[in-house]
């Protein structure tokens, strides 16, 4: 019996889980079930009343309805992802992870807002999200020397997924401009097999 992952091909939260699973060698143990959370299908609501993805159902029918919760669980099931450093470097690493997750949140919120009728789109709010993303990317640019290409942790995976989602949904930000270190790092990181296998379909 396999674990079941309720997912969508374009969700960055799902992609984080899929990359983690691939890096841990667990992909073959997971059956992916595509759902549309915006349609609130009964199958998904029975597992997560919030109608959000991803949701993982383990072999023991344990329901894990959040990407970070799923990742924490998967890390107990496989090997292949570098642990976070100890001491003060750990807090820096966690800060970069939270920053990358914040970029994902802001980009998803922007995408949702732009799907509203143009007459009621709140432009000031969109500008605020864009500014938030820009500031966060500037922080990540300075953090690149601490990022690994050979032995990534959840930090690097979070950053890589965030940048990939910006390419998918917000290419007009041109996030690479003025961020040579982050651009060079992502160019290489995005070629990892786990990233290639989890890449969303072209819009």
N, C-alpha and C. Protein backbone atom coordinates (compact mmCIF):
# COMPACT_ATOMS: atom_id res chain seq x y z
N UNK A 1 0.84 -1.20 0.00
CA UNK A 1 0.00 0.00 0.00
C UNK A 1 0.88 1.25 0.00
N UNK A 2 0.55 2.22 -0.84
CA UNK A 2 1.33 3.44 -0.94
C UNK A 2 0.70 4.57 -0.13
N UNK A 3 1.53 5.55 0.19
CA UNK A 3 1.01 6.81 0.70
C UNK A 3 0.27 7.51 -0.43
N UNK A 4 -0.68 8.35 -0.09
CA UNK A 4 -1.44 9.09 -1.10
C UNK A 4 -1.22 10.58 -0.90
N UNK A 5 -0.84 11.25 -1.98
CA UNK A 5 -0.61 12.69 -1.94
C UNK A 5 -1.66 13.38 -2.81
N UNK A 6 -2.53 14.15 -2.17
CA UNK A 6 -3.52 14.93 -2.89
C UNK A 6 -2.85 16.24 -3.30
N UNK A 7 -2.88 16.53 -4.59
CA UNK A 7 -1.98 17.55 -5.09
C UNK A 7 -2.53 18.23 -6.34
N UNK A 8 -1.78 19.24 -6.78
CA UNK A 8 -2.03 19.95 -8.03
C UNK A 8 -0.67 20.20 -8.68
N UNK A 9 -0.56 20.12 -10.00
CA UNK A 9 0.75 20.23 -10.64
C UNK A 9 1.39 21.60 -10.56
N UNK A 10 0.62 22.65 -10.28
CA UNK A 10 1.20 23.99 -10.27
C UNK A 10 1.41 24.55 -8.85
N UNK A 11 0.94 23.86 -7.84
CA UNK A 11 1.07 24.37 -6.47
C UNK A 11 2.53 24.32 -5.99
N UNK A 12 3.10 25.45 -5.54
CA UNK A 12 4.46 25.42 -5.03
C UNK A 12 4.57 24.64 -3.71
N UNK A 13 3.48 24.62 -2.94
CA UNK A 13 3.48 23.86 -1.69
C UNK A 13 3.57 22.37 -1.99
N UNK A 14 2.85 21.93 -3.02
CA UNK A 14 2.95 20.54 -3.45
C UNK A 14 4.34 20.26 -4.00
N UNK A 15 4.88 21.20 -4.77
CA UNK A 15 6.19 20.95 -5.36
C UNK A 15 7.26 20.76 -4.29
N UNK A 16 7.19 21.53 -3.22
CA UNK A 16 8.15 21.34 -2.13
C UNK A 16 8.11 19.90 -1.64
N UNK A 17 6.91 19.39 -1.44
CA UNK A 17 6.75 18.02 -0.96
C UNK A 17 7.30 17.03 -1.98
N UNK A 18 7.01 17.26 -3.25
CA UNK A 18 7.47 16.34 -4.29
C UNK A 18 8.99 16.35 -4.41
N UNK A 19 9.60 17.53 -4.29
CA UNK A 19 11.06 17.60 -4.35
C UNK A 19 11.68 16.88 -3.15
N UNK A 20 11.13 17.13 -1.97
CA UNK A 20 11.62 16.47 -0.77
C UNK A 20 11.52 14.95 -0.92
N UNK A 21 10.35 14.49 -1.38
CA UNK A 21 10.14 13.05 -1.55
C UNK A 21 11.16 12.46 -2.52
N UNK A 22 11.42 13.17 -3.62
CA UNK A 22 12.38 12.68 -4.61
C UNK A 22 13.79 12.64 -4.03
N UNK A 23 14.17 13.69 -3.32
CA UNK A 23 15.51 13.74 -2.73
C UNK A 23 15.71 12.64 -1.68
N UNK A 24 14.61 12.25 -1.02
CA UNK A 24 14.67 11.20 0.01
C UNK A 24 14.50 9.81 -0.57
N UNK A 25 14.25 9.71 -1.87
CA UNK A 25 14.05 8.41 -2.49
C UNK A 25 12.71 7.78 -2.16
N UNK A 26 11.71 8.62 -1.90
CA UNK A 26 10.41 8.12 -1.49
C UNK A 26 9.32 8.26 -2.56
N UNK A 27 9.66 8.82 -3.70
CA UNK A 27 8.63 9.09 -4.72
C UNK A 27 7.85 7.85 -5.11
N UNK A 28 8.53 6.71 -5.21
CA UNK A 28 7.87 5.48 -5.64
C UNK A 28 6.90 4.96 -4.59
N UNK A 29 6.98 5.48 -3.39
CA UNK A 29 6.09 5.03 -2.32
C UNK A 29 4.86 5.92 -2.19
N UNK A 30 4.73 6.88 -3.09
CA UNK A 30 3.64 7.85 -3.01
C UNK A 30 2.80 7.82 -4.28
N UNK A 31 1.51 7.65 -4.11
CA UNK A 31 0.56 7.76 -5.22
C UNK A 31 0.02 9.19 -5.25
N UNK A 32 0.17 9.86 -6.37
CA UNK A 32 -0.30 11.24 -6.49
C UNK A 32 -1.72 11.28 -7.04
N UNK A 33 -2.58 12.01 -6.35
CA UNK A 33 -3.98 12.15 -6.75
C UNK A 33 -4.25 13.63 -6.98
N UNK A 34 -4.47 14.01 -8.23
CA UNK A 34 -4.68 15.42 -8.55
C UNK A 34 -6.10 15.84 -8.21
N UNK A 35 -6.21 16.96 -7.51
CA UNK A 35 -7.51 17.52 -7.15
C UNK A 35 -7.47 19.03 -7.36
N UNK A 36 -8.63 19.62 -7.49
CA UNK A 36 -8.76 21.07 -7.59
C UNK A 36 -9.30 21.59 -6.27
N UNK A 37 -8.45 22.16 -5.42
CA UNK A 37 -8.93 22.61 -4.11
C UNK A 37 -9.96 23.72 -4.19
N UNK A 38 -9.95 24.48 -5.28
CA UNK A 38 -10.91 25.57 -5.43
C UNK A 38 -12.31 25.05 -5.68
N UNK A 39 -12.40 23.82 -6.16
CA UNK A 39 -13.70 23.20 -6.39
C UNK A 39 -14.22 22.49 -5.13
N UNK A 40 -13.37 22.41 -4.10
CA UNK A 40 -13.73 21.77 -2.83
C UNK A 40 -14.37 20.40 -3.03
N UNK A 41 -13.66 19.48 -3.70
CA UNK A 41 -14.23 18.14 -3.91
C UNK A 41 -14.43 17.43 -2.58
N UNK A 42 -15.46 16.62 -2.51
CA UNK A 42 -15.81 15.94 -1.25
C UNK A 42 -14.68 15.05 -0.75
N UNK A 43 -13.95 14.44 -1.68
CA UNK A 43 -12.84 13.58 -1.30
C UNK A 43 -11.77 14.36 -0.53
N UNK A 44 -11.50 15.58 -0.98
CA UNK A 44 -10.51 16.41 -0.29
C UNK A 44 -11.06 16.95 1.02
N UNK A 45 -12.31 17.39 1.02
CA UNK A 45 -12.90 17.94 2.24
C UNK A 45 -12.98 16.91 3.36
N UNK A 46 -13.12 15.65 2.99
CA UNK A 46 -13.16 14.60 4.01
C UNK A 46 -11.82 14.47 4.73
N UNK A 47 -10.77 14.89 4.06
CA UNK A 47 -9.43 14.82 4.64
C UNK A 47 -8.99 16.14 5.25
N UNK A 48 -9.39 17.23 4.62
CA UNK A 48 -8.98 18.56 5.07
C UNK A 48 -10.14 19.54 4.87
N UNK A 49 -10.83 19.90 5.94
CA UNK A 49 -11.98 20.81 5.81
C UNK A 49 -11.59 22.18 5.29
N UNK A 50 -10.28 22.51 5.32
CA UNK A 50 -9.82 23.79 4.79
C UNK A 50 -9.75 23.78 3.27
N UNK A 51 -9.92 22.61 2.66
CA UNK A 51 -9.85 22.46 1.20
C UNK A 51 -8.55 23.02 0.64
N UNK A 52 -7.45 22.64 1.27
CA UNK A 52 -6.13 23.06 0.82
C UNK A 52 -5.29 21.83 0.51
N UNK A 53 -4.34 22.03 -0.38
CA UNK A 53 -3.37 21.00 -0.72
C UNK A 53 -1.97 21.53 -0.45
N UNK A 54 -1.03 20.60 -0.25
CA UNK A 54 -1.15 19.15 -0.33
C UNK A 54 -1.71 18.54 0.95
N UNK A 55 -2.22 17.32 0.79
CA UNK A 55 -2.61 16.47 1.91
C UNK A 55 -1.96 15.11 1.66
N UNK A 56 -1.32 14.57 2.68
CA UNK A 56 -0.73 13.23 2.57
C UNK A 56 -1.48 12.29 3.49
N UNK A 57 -1.84 11.14 2.95
CA UNK A 57 -2.43 10.06 3.75
C UNK A 57 -1.41 8.94 3.81
N UNK A 58 -0.94 8.61 5.00
CA UNK A 58 0.09 7.59 5.15
C UNK A 58 -0.51 6.19 4.99
N UNK A 59 0.36 5.20 4.99
CA UNK A 59 -0.11 3.81 4.88
C UNK A 59 -0.99 3.43 6.06
N UNK A 60 -0.84 4.12 7.16
CA UNK A 60 -1.67 3.84 8.34
C UNK A 60 -2.91 4.73 8.39
N UNK A 61 -3.21 5.37 7.27
CA UNK A 61 -4.36 6.27 7.17
C UNK A 61 -4.25 7.49 8.08
N UNK A 62 -3.02 7.88 8.39
CA UNK A 62 -2.79 9.13 9.11
C UNK A 62 -2.88 10.27 8.10
N UNK A 63 -3.61 11.31 8.43
CA UNK A 63 -3.84 12.42 7.51
C UNK A 63 -2.98 13.62 7.90
N UNK A 64 -2.16 14.08 6.97
CA UNK A 64 -1.26 15.20 7.23
C UNK A 64 -1.63 16.31 6.24
N UNK A 65 -2.33 17.38 6.70
CA UNK A 65 -2.91 18.36 5.79
C UNK A 65 -2.14 19.67 5.64
N UNK A 66 -0.82 19.59 5.53
CA UNK A 66 -0.02 20.81 5.41
C UNK A 66 1.35 20.44 4.88
N UNK A 67 1.90 21.25 3.99
CA UNK A 67 3.18 20.90 3.37
C UNK A 67 4.31 20.76 4.38
N UNK A 68 4.39 21.68 5.33
CA UNK A 68 5.48 21.58 6.31
C UNK A 68 5.31 20.37 7.22
N UNK A 69 4.08 20.03 7.53
CA UNK A 69 3.80 18.84 8.32
C UNK A 69 4.19 17.59 7.54
N UNK A 70 3.84 17.57 6.27
CA UNK A 70 4.19 16.43 5.42
C UNK A 70 5.70 16.29 5.30
N UNK A 71 6.38 17.41 5.10
CA UNK A 71 7.84 17.36 4.98
C UNK A 71 8.48 16.84 6.26
N UNK A 72 7.99 17.31 7.40
CA UNK A 72 8.53 16.82 8.67
C UNK A 72 8.36 15.31 8.78
N UNK A 73 7.22 14.82 8.33
CA UNK A 73 6.97 13.37 8.37
C UNK A 73 7.90 12.63 7.41
N UNK A 74 8.02 13.13 6.18
CA UNK A 74 8.85 12.44 5.19
C UNK A 74 10.31 12.38 5.62
N UNK A 75 10.75 13.40 6.32
CA UNK A 75 12.15 13.41 6.78
C UNK A 75 12.44 12.29 7.76
N UNK A 76 11.37 11.75 8.38
CA UNK A 76 11.56 10.61 9.28
C UNK A 76 11.56 9.28 8.53
N UNK A 77 11.23 9.34 7.24
CA UNK A 77 11.05 8.11 6.46
C UNK A 77 12.19 7.81 5.50
N UNK A 78 13.01 8.80 5.22
CA UNK A 78 14.06 8.59 4.23
C UNK A 78 15.31 9.36 4.55
N UNK A 79 16.34 9.11 3.75
CA UNK A 79 17.62 9.80 3.90
C UNK A 79 18.02 10.41 2.56
N UNK A 80 18.84 11.47 2.64
CA UNK A 80 19.32 12.10 1.42
C UNK A 80 19.23 13.60 1.43
N UNK A 81 18.67 14.14 2.51
CA UNK A 81 18.58 15.59 2.63
C UNK A 81 19.44 16.04 3.81
N UNK A 82 20.24 17.03 3.56
CA UNK A 82 21.15 17.54 4.58
C UNK A 82 20.37 18.16 5.73
N UNK A 83 20.80 17.88 6.95
CA UNK A 83 20.18 18.51 8.11
C UNK A 83 20.64 19.94 8.25
N UNK A 84 19.93 20.71 9.06
CA UNK A 84 20.32 22.10 9.27
C UNK A 84 21.55 22.17 10.15
N UNK A 85 22.34 23.23 9.99
CA UNK A 85 23.55 23.36 10.81
C UNK A 85 23.20 23.58 12.28
N UNK A 86 24.20 23.46 13.12
CA UNK A 86 24.00 23.68 14.55
C UNK A 86 24.43 25.09 14.92
N UNK A 87 24.10 25.48 16.13
CA UNK A 87 24.53 26.78 16.65
C UNK A 87 23.84 27.94 15.96
N UNK A 88 24.53 29.07 15.91
CA UNK A 88 23.94 30.29 15.36
C UNK A 88 23.63 30.16 13.87
N UNK A 89 24.39 29.32 13.17
CA UNK A 89 24.14 29.13 11.73
C UNK A 89 22.76 28.51 11.49
N UNK A 90 22.26 27.77 12.46
CA UNK A 90 20.94 27.16 12.32
C UNK A 90 19.86 28.23 12.21
N UNK A 91 19.99 29.28 13.01
CA UNK A 91 18.96 30.32 13.01
C UNK A 91 19.00 31.13 11.72
N UNK A 92 20.20 31.32 11.17
CA UNK A 92 20.30 31.97 9.86
C UNK A 92 19.61 31.12 8.80
N UNK A 93 19.88 29.80 8.83
CA UNK A 93 19.28 28.90 7.84
C UNK A 93 17.76 28.93 7.93
N UNK A 94 17.24 28.88 9.15
CA UNK A 94 15.79 28.91 9.33
C UNK A 94 15.21 30.25 8.88
N UNK A 95 15.96 31.31 9.08
CA UNK A 95 15.49 32.63 8.63
C UNK A 95 15.37 32.65 7.11
N UNK A 96 16.33 32.05 6.42
CA UNK A 96 16.26 32.03 4.96
C UNK A 96 15.11 31.13 4.48
N UNK A 97 14.86 30.04 5.21
CA UNK A 97 13.74 29.18 4.84
C UNK A 97 12.42 29.92 4.99
N UNK A 98 12.25 30.61 6.11
CA UNK A 98 11.03 31.37 6.34
C UNK A 98 10.87 32.47 5.29
N UNK A 99 11.98 33.09 4.92
CA UNK A 99 11.95 34.13 3.89
C UNK A 99 11.49 33.55 2.55
N UNK A 100 12.04 32.41 2.18
CA UNK A 100 11.63 31.76 0.93
C UNK A 100 10.16 31.36 0.97
N UNK A 101 9.72 30.83 2.09
CA UNK A 101 8.30 30.46 2.23
C UNK A 101 7.41 31.70 2.13
N UNK A 102 7.91 32.82 2.65
CA UNK A 102 7.16 34.06 2.55
C UNK A 102 7.02 34.54 1.11
N UNK A 103 8.06 34.31 0.32
CA UNK A 103 8.00 34.65 -1.11
C UNK A 103 6.92 33.80 -1.78
N UNK A 104 6.89 32.51 -1.46
CA UNK A 104 5.86 31.64 -2.03
C UNK A 104 4.47 32.12 -1.64
N UNK A 105 4.28 32.43 -0.36
CA UNK A 105 2.97 32.88 0.11
C UNK A 105 2.53 34.15 -0.62
N UNK A 106 3.46 35.10 -0.77
CA UNK A 106 3.12 36.36 -1.43
C UNK A 106 2.82 36.15 -2.91
N UNK A 107 3.57 35.26 -3.55
CA UNK A 107 3.35 35.00 -4.97
C UNK A 107 2.01 34.28 -5.20
N UNK A 108 1.67 33.36 -4.30
CA UNK A 108 0.38 32.67 -4.41
C UNK A 108 -0.76 33.67 -4.18
N UNK A 109 -0.61 34.52 -3.16
CA UNK A 109 -1.64 35.52 -2.88
C UNK A 109 -1.82 36.48 -4.07
N UNK A 110 -0.72 36.84 -4.70
CA UNK A 110 -0.78 37.70 -5.88
C UNK A 110 -1.52 37.01 -7.03
N UNK A 111 -1.20 35.75 -7.22
CA UNK A 111 -1.86 34.98 -8.29
C UNK A 111 -3.37 34.91 -8.07
N UNK A 112 -3.77 34.68 -6.83
CA UNK A 112 -5.19 34.60 -6.51
C UNK A 112 -5.89 35.95 -6.73
N UNK A 113 -5.22 37.03 -6.33
CA UNK A 113 -5.81 38.35 -6.48
C UNK A 113 -5.99 38.72 -7.94
N UNK A 114 -5.03 38.34 -8.77
CA UNK A 114 -5.11 38.68 -10.19
C UNK A 114 -6.18 37.87 -10.93
N UNK A 115 -6.70 36.86 -10.30
CA UNK A 115 -7.78 36.09 -10.92
C UNK A 115 -9.15 36.72 -10.67
N UNK A 116 -9.21 37.73 -9.83
CA UNK A 116 -10.46 38.43 -9.60
C UNK A 116 -10.79 39.31 -10.79
N UNK A 117 -12.04 39.70 -10.95
CA UNK A 117 -12.38 40.64 -12.03
C UNK A 117 -11.52 41.90 -11.92
N UNK A 118 -11.05 42.39 -13.05
CA UNK A 118 -10.11 43.52 -13.06
C UNK A 118 -10.65 44.72 -12.29
N UNK A 119 -11.95 44.92 -12.31
CA UNK A 119 -12.53 46.09 -11.65
C UNK A 119 -12.40 46.07 -10.14
N UNK A 120 -12.16 44.90 -9.55
CA UNK A 120 -12.07 44.83 -8.10
C UNK A 120 -10.69 44.35 -7.61
N UNK A 121 -9.74 44.26 -8.54
CA UNK A 121 -8.38 43.92 -8.13
C UNK A 121 -7.80 45.07 -7.32
N UNK A 122 -7.22 44.75 -6.17
CA UNK A 122 -6.68 45.76 -5.26
C UNK A 122 -5.21 46.00 -5.60
N UNK A 123 -4.93 46.99 -6.43
CA UNK A 123 -3.59 47.20 -6.94
C UNK A 123 -2.59 47.59 -5.86
N UNK A 124 -3.03 48.38 -4.89
CA UNK A 124 -2.12 48.77 -3.82
C UNK A 124 -1.64 47.54 -3.05
N UNK A 125 -2.52 46.59 -2.88
CA UNK A 125 -2.16 45.36 -2.18
C UNK A 125 -1.18 44.54 -3.02
N UNK A 126 -1.42 44.49 -4.35
CA UNK A 126 -0.49 43.78 -5.23
C UNK A 126 0.88 44.43 -5.21
N UNK A 127 0.92 45.74 -5.19
CA UNK A 127 2.20 46.46 -5.11
C UNK A 127 2.94 46.11 -3.83
N UNK A 128 2.18 45.97 -2.77
CA UNK A 128 2.80 45.62 -1.48
C UNK A 128 3.41 44.22 -1.53
N UNK A 129 2.70 43.28 -2.16
CA UNK A 129 3.24 41.92 -2.28
C UNK A 129 4.50 41.91 -3.14
N UNK A 130 4.50 42.68 -4.21
CA UNK A 130 5.68 42.75 -5.08
C UNK A 130 6.88 43.32 -4.33
N UNK A 131 6.62 44.34 -3.52
CA UNK A 131 7.71 44.95 -2.74
C UNK A 131 8.24 43.96 -1.71
N UNK A 132 7.33 43.22 -1.11
CA UNK A 132 7.72 42.20 -0.12
C UNK A 132 8.61 41.15 -0.77
N UNK A 133 8.21 40.70 -1.95
CA UNK A 133 9.01 39.70 -2.66
C UNK A 133 10.38 40.26 -3.02
N UNK A 134 10.42 41.48 -3.51
CA UNK A 134 11.68 42.10 -3.91
C UNK A 134 12.65 42.20 -2.72
N UNK A 135 12.16 42.66 -1.60
CA UNK A 135 13.02 42.77 -0.41
C UNK A 135 13.52 41.39 0.02
N UNK A 136 12.66 40.41 -0.03
CA UNK A 136 13.03 39.06 0.39
C UNK A 136 14.10 38.47 -0.53
N UNK A 137 13.95 38.71 -1.84
CA UNK A 137 14.95 38.20 -2.78
C UNK A 137 16.31 38.86 -2.56
N UNK A 138 16.30 40.11 -2.17
CA UNK A 138 17.57 40.80 -1.87
C UNK A 138 18.26 40.14 -0.68
N UNK A 139 17.48 39.72 0.30
CA UNK A 139 18.05 39.00 1.45
C UNK A 139 18.62 37.65 1.00
N UNK A 140 17.88 36.92 0.17
CA UNK A 140 18.35 35.63 -0.30
C UNK A 140 19.58 35.76 -1.18
N UNK A 141 19.70 36.86 -1.92
CA UNK A 141 20.90 37.10 -2.72
C UNK A 141 22.14 37.12 -1.84
N UNK A 142 22.05 37.75 -0.68
CA UNK A 142 23.20 37.81 0.22
C UNK A 142 23.48 36.47 0.89
N UNK A 143 22.48 35.58 0.89
CA UNK A 143 22.61 34.30 1.58
C UNK A 143 23.19 33.20 0.70
N UNK A 144 23.32 33.46 -0.59
CA UNK A 144 23.75 32.42 -1.54
C UNK A 144 25.04 31.72 -1.12
N UNK A 145 26.05 32.40 -0.58
CA UNK A 145 27.27 31.68 -0.20
C UNK A 145 27.04 30.54 0.78
N UNK A 146 25.91 30.58 1.51
CA UNK A 146 25.63 29.51 2.47
C UNK A 146 24.79 28.38 1.86
N UNK A 147 24.37 28.55 0.60
CA UNK A 147 23.52 27.54 -0.04
C UNK A 147 24.38 26.45 -0.67
N UNK A 148 23.90 25.22 -0.56
CA UNK A 148 24.60 24.08 -1.13
C UNK A 148 23.94 23.63 -2.43
N UNK A 149 24.75 23.16 -3.36
CA UNK A 149 24.24 22.56 -4.58
C UNK A 149 24.34 21.04 -4.52
N UNK A 150 25.32 20.53 -3.81
CA UNK A 150 25.56 19.10 -3.77
C UNK A 150 24.74 18.39 -2.70
N UNK A 151 24.51 19.07 -1.57
CA UNK A 151 23.79 18.44 -0.47
C UNK A 151 22.74 19.41 0.06
N UNK A 152 21.65 19.60 -0.66
CA UNK A 152 20.65 20.59 -0.26
C UNK A 152 19.88 20.17 0.98
N UNK A 153 19.44 21.17 1.71
CA UNK A 153 18.56 20.98 2.85
C UNK A 153 17.18 21.52 2.47
N UNK A 154 16.28 21.51 3.43
CA UNK A 154 14.95 22.08 3.18
C UNK A 154 15.07 23.56 2.83
N UNK A 155 16.11 24.22 3.30
CA UNK A 155 16.31 25.65 3.01
C UNK A 155 16.48 25.85 1.51
N UNK A 156 17.45 25.16 0.92
CA UNK A 156 17.70 25.31 -0.52
C UNK A 156 16.48 24.91 -1.35
N UNK A 157 15.81 23.86 -0.92
CA UNK A 157 14.62 23.40 -1.66
C UNK A 157 13.53 24.46 -1.61
N UNK A 158 13.34 25.08 -0.46
CA UNK A 158 12.35 26.15 -0.34
C UNK A 158 12.69 27.32 -1.25
N UNK A 159 13.96 27.69 -1.29
CA UNK A 159 14.38 28.80 -2.15
C UNK A 159 14.19 28.43 -3.62
N UNK A 160 14.60 27.23 -4.00
CA UNK A 160 14.47 26.81 -5.38
C UNK A 160 13.03 26.77 -5.85
N UNK A 161 12.14 26.26 -5.01
CA UNK A 161 10.72 26.20 -5.37
C UNK A 161 10.13 27.60 -5.47
N UNK A 162 10.54 28.49 -4.56
CA UNK A 162 10.04 29.87 -4.60
C UNK A 162 10.43 30.55 -5.91
N UNK A 163 11.67 30.40 -6.32
CA UNK A 163 12.13 31.03 -7.56
C UNK A 163 11.44 30.43 -8.78
N UNK A 164 11.24 29.11 -8.75
CA UNK A 164 10.54 28.48 -9.85
C UNK A 164 9.10 28.96 -9.97
N UNK A 165 8.47 29.21 -8.84
CA UNK A 165 7.09 29.68 -8.88
C UNK A 165 7.01 31.12 -9.39
N UNK A 166 8.01 31.92 -9.06
CA UNK A 166 8.05 33.28 -9.61
C UNK A 166 8.17 33.23 -11.14
N UNK A 167 8.98 32.32 -11.64
CA UNK A 167 9.10 32.17 -13.09
C UNK A 167 7.76 31.78 -13.71
N UNK A 168 7.01 30.95 -13.01
CA UNK A 168 5.74 30.46 -13.53
C UNK A 168 4.65 31.53 -13.51
N UNK A 169 4.52 32.22 -12.37
CA UNK A 169 3.37 33.10 -12.17
C UNK A 169 3.67 34.59 -12.22
N UNK A 170 4.92 34.97 -11.96
CA UNK A 170 5.24 36.39 -11.92
C UNK A 170 6.52 36.70 -12.71
N UNK A 171 6.61 36.26 -13.96
CA UNK A 171 7.82 36.52 -14.74
C UNK A 171 8.09 38.00 -14.95
N UNK A 172 7.02 38.81 -14.88
CA UNK A 172 7.17 40.25 -15.10
C UNK A 172 8.01 40.91 -14.00
N UNK A 173 8.21 40.23 -12.89
CA UNK A 173 9.08 40.80 -11.84
C UNK A 173 10.54 40.80 -12.26
N UNK A 174 10.89 39.92 -13.19
CA UNK A 174 12.28 39.79 -13.66
C UNK A 174 13.23 39.71 -12.47
N UNK A 175 12.99 38.72 -11.62
CA UNK A 175 13.70 38.63 -10.36
C UNK A 175 15.21 38.47 -10.52
N UNK A 176 15.67 38.02 -11.67
CA UNK A 176 17.11 37.82 -11.87
C UNK A 176 17.88 39.13 -11.99
N UNK A 177 17.24 40.20 -12.37
CA UNK A 177 17.93 41.47 -12.55
C UNK A 177 18.60 41.93 -11.26
N UNK A 178 19.92 42.14 -11.33
CA UNK A 178 20.65 42.61 -10.17
C UNK A 178 20.93 41.56 -9.13
N UNK A 179 20.63 40.29 -9.43
CA UNK A 179 20.85 39.21 -8.45
C UNK A 179 21.64 38.09 -9.12
N UNK A 180 22.88 38.38 -9.42
CA UNK A 180 23.73 37.45 -10.16
C UNK A 180 23.98 36.17 -9.39
N UNK A 181 24.25 36.30 -8.08
CA UNK A 181 24.56 35.11 -7.29
C UNK A 181 23.36 34.18 -7.21
N UNK A 182 22.20 34.74 -6.94
CA UNK A 182 20.98 33.93 -6.83
C UNK A 182 20.64 33.30 -8.18
N UNK A 183 20.83 34.06 -9.25
CA UNK A 183 20.56 33.55 -10.60
C UNK A 183 21.46 32.38 -10.93
N UNK A 184 22.76 32.52 -10.66
CA UNK A 184 23.71 31.45 -10.98
C UNK A 184 23.43 30.21 -10.15
N UNK A 185 23.11 30.42 -8.88
CA UNK A 185 22.80 29.27 -8.02
C UNK A 185 21.55 28.54 -8.52
N UNK A 186 20.50 29.30 -8.84
CA UNK A 186 19.25 28.67 -9.26
C UNK A 186 19.41 27.97 -10.61
N UNK A 187 20.19 28.55 -11.49
CA UNK A 187 20.41 27.92 -12.80
C UNK A 187 20.92 26.49 -12.62
N UNK A 188 21.81 26.31 -11.67
CA UNK A 188 22.34 24.97 -11.40
C UNK A 188 21.37 24.12 -10.58
N UNK A 189 20.78 24.72 -9.56
CA UNK A 189 19.90 23.95 -8.68
C UNK A 189 18.67 23.44 -9.43
N UNK A 190 18.17 24.23 -10.35
CA UNK A 190 16.95 23.86 -11.08
C UNK A 190 17.16 22.66 -11.99
N UNK A 191 18.41 22.26 -12.19
CA UNK A 191 18.70 21.10 -13.03
C UNK A 191 18.80 19.80 -12.24
N UNK A 192 18.59 19.87 -10.93
CA UNK A 192 18.55 18.64 -10.16
C UNK A 192 17.38 17.79 -10.65
N UNK A 193 17.55 16.49 -10.62
CA UNK A 193 16.49 15.60 -11.11
C UNK A 193 15.17 15.84 -10.37
N UNK A 194 15.26 16.09 -9.07
CA UNK A 194 14.04 16.30 -8.28
C UNK A 194 13.29 17.55 -8.73
N UNK A 195 14.02 18.57 -9.14
CA UNK A 195 13.40 19.79 -9.63
C UNK A 195 12.83 19.60 -11.03
N UNK A 196 13.53 18.89 -11.87
CA UNK A 196 13.07 18.66 -13.23
C UNK A 196 11.80 17.80 -13.23
N UNK A 197 11.77 16.79 -12.38
CA UNK A 197 10.63 15.89 -12.32
C UNK A 197 9.38 16.57 -11.76
N UNK A 198 9.59 17.57 -10.95
CA UNK A 198 8.46 18.23 -10.29
C UNK A 198 8.07 19.54 -10.96
N UNK A 199 8.72 19.86 -12.08
CA UNK A 199 8.46 21.14 -12.74
C UNK A 199 7.00 21.22 -13.17
N UNK A 200 6.34 22.36 -12.93
CA UNK A 200 4.94 22.51 -13.34
C UNK A 200 4.83 22.63 -14.85
N UNK A 201 3.67 22.30 -15.41
CA UNK A 201 3.48 22.46 -16.85
C UNK A 201 3.56 23.92 -17.26
N UNK A 202 4.02 24.17 -18.45
CA UNK A 202 4.12 25.55 -18.94
C UNK A 202 2.73 26.17 -19.02
N UNK A 203 2.61 27.47 -18.67
CA UNK A 203 1.29 28.12 -18.71
C UNK A 203 0.77 28.24 -20.14
